[in-house]
Amino acid sequence: MRFVCTVVPEPFAERLADYPSLSLQMIAFPNTPADIPESRIHALIQLLNETDPHIVQTIHHHLLMIGPPALPHLRWAKQAYPHLSAQLTHLIEHIHDTHLEQAFKELSKPDNPSIDLETGAFLIARTAYPELAIDQYRARLDEMAETLRTQIGPTCHLKTAIQIVNHYLFHEQGFRGNRQDYYDPDNSFLNVVLDRRVGIPISLSVLYLLIGYRLRLPVVGVGMPGHFIVGVPSISLYIDCFHGGTLLTDADCARTLRELGYGFDARYLQPTSHKQILARMLRNLIAIFTHHQDTHHVTRYTRFLSIIESLTTSKTGDP
């Protein structure tokens, strides 16, 4: 077994004598974090009670090296040691964000340069809900699509299929725009949108797209300036998910854009790629946290955005 070794600061080595459960062997960790005994992780957490900053810094380093396997123990410790809450919160977020950053980077790979919108949207949700059970929410989307599949026959006209989806989502299920609290960050997280059935234009549109993809409907995201909608290019139709699934024409969209002060440009109605959709979702969160003067989260989401913007995609692989 290979080990990762670290030089032990003298104060740390001296203080080990005060902790019978620890030894110098703790400073050599197996390459695989899962191989680290739980007792060692708990012993490391105990050392966070030290007042020597060098020791605490060393412990931080090792807990960060352990990564995700340390998270359940750190969350437990937050309850057990309230006086360490600030330290533990910082460690949990650092480990979680490092893991998320890698997951965002893996949305696009050289051998498969398409970006999975659904995975990306749930990763964004995980920035706020680290323990999110993504598979459970995917299953809910599957169930919703299956319900619709029984209503949409193979010979159903496309516009009729869209109307069936609209009635199901916006009338039977009650999804709607959150006009009362537009700047609530939860409006951007797909799990919360599914639970509360309210959201903002882009999150409701992403929900619509994910249902539409399951039904093999030719729907696309359309990122107009100031408002996000769903498009059905083959029949020149648009769906305003924030306003109850209102159906729009090119002329309706042009009028809306002029009313918003942007003027009309046909390029505003072009399909938006998955990469652009995810980037716009993150920009919305940056704007929301800027509105709330939350610089910490502005910095976090700016970092996630830079990763998304750096992803390489193919023209055909990312619709």
Foldseek 3Di string as FASTA:
>chain_A
DDWDADDDDPVLQVCVVVPVLDDNCLRIDDQQLVPDDPSSLLSLVVQCPDPPVVSVVSSLVVLLSSAPVSQVVLVVVCVVPVVCVVVSVVSNLVSLLVVLLVVLLVLADPVFGAGDLLSLLQSVLCNVVVVDPSVVVVVVLVVLLVVLPVVADPPRDLVVSLVSLLCCLCPVVNQAEDPPCQLDLLLSRLVSCNVVSYHFQLSQQSSVVSSCVSVVQQKFWQQAVPGIWIARVVVQWIFRRNHSGDIDHPVRVQVVCVVVPNHDDVNSGDGDWSLRSSLVSLVSNLVSCVVVVNVVVNVSSVVSSVSSVPRDHDPPNTD
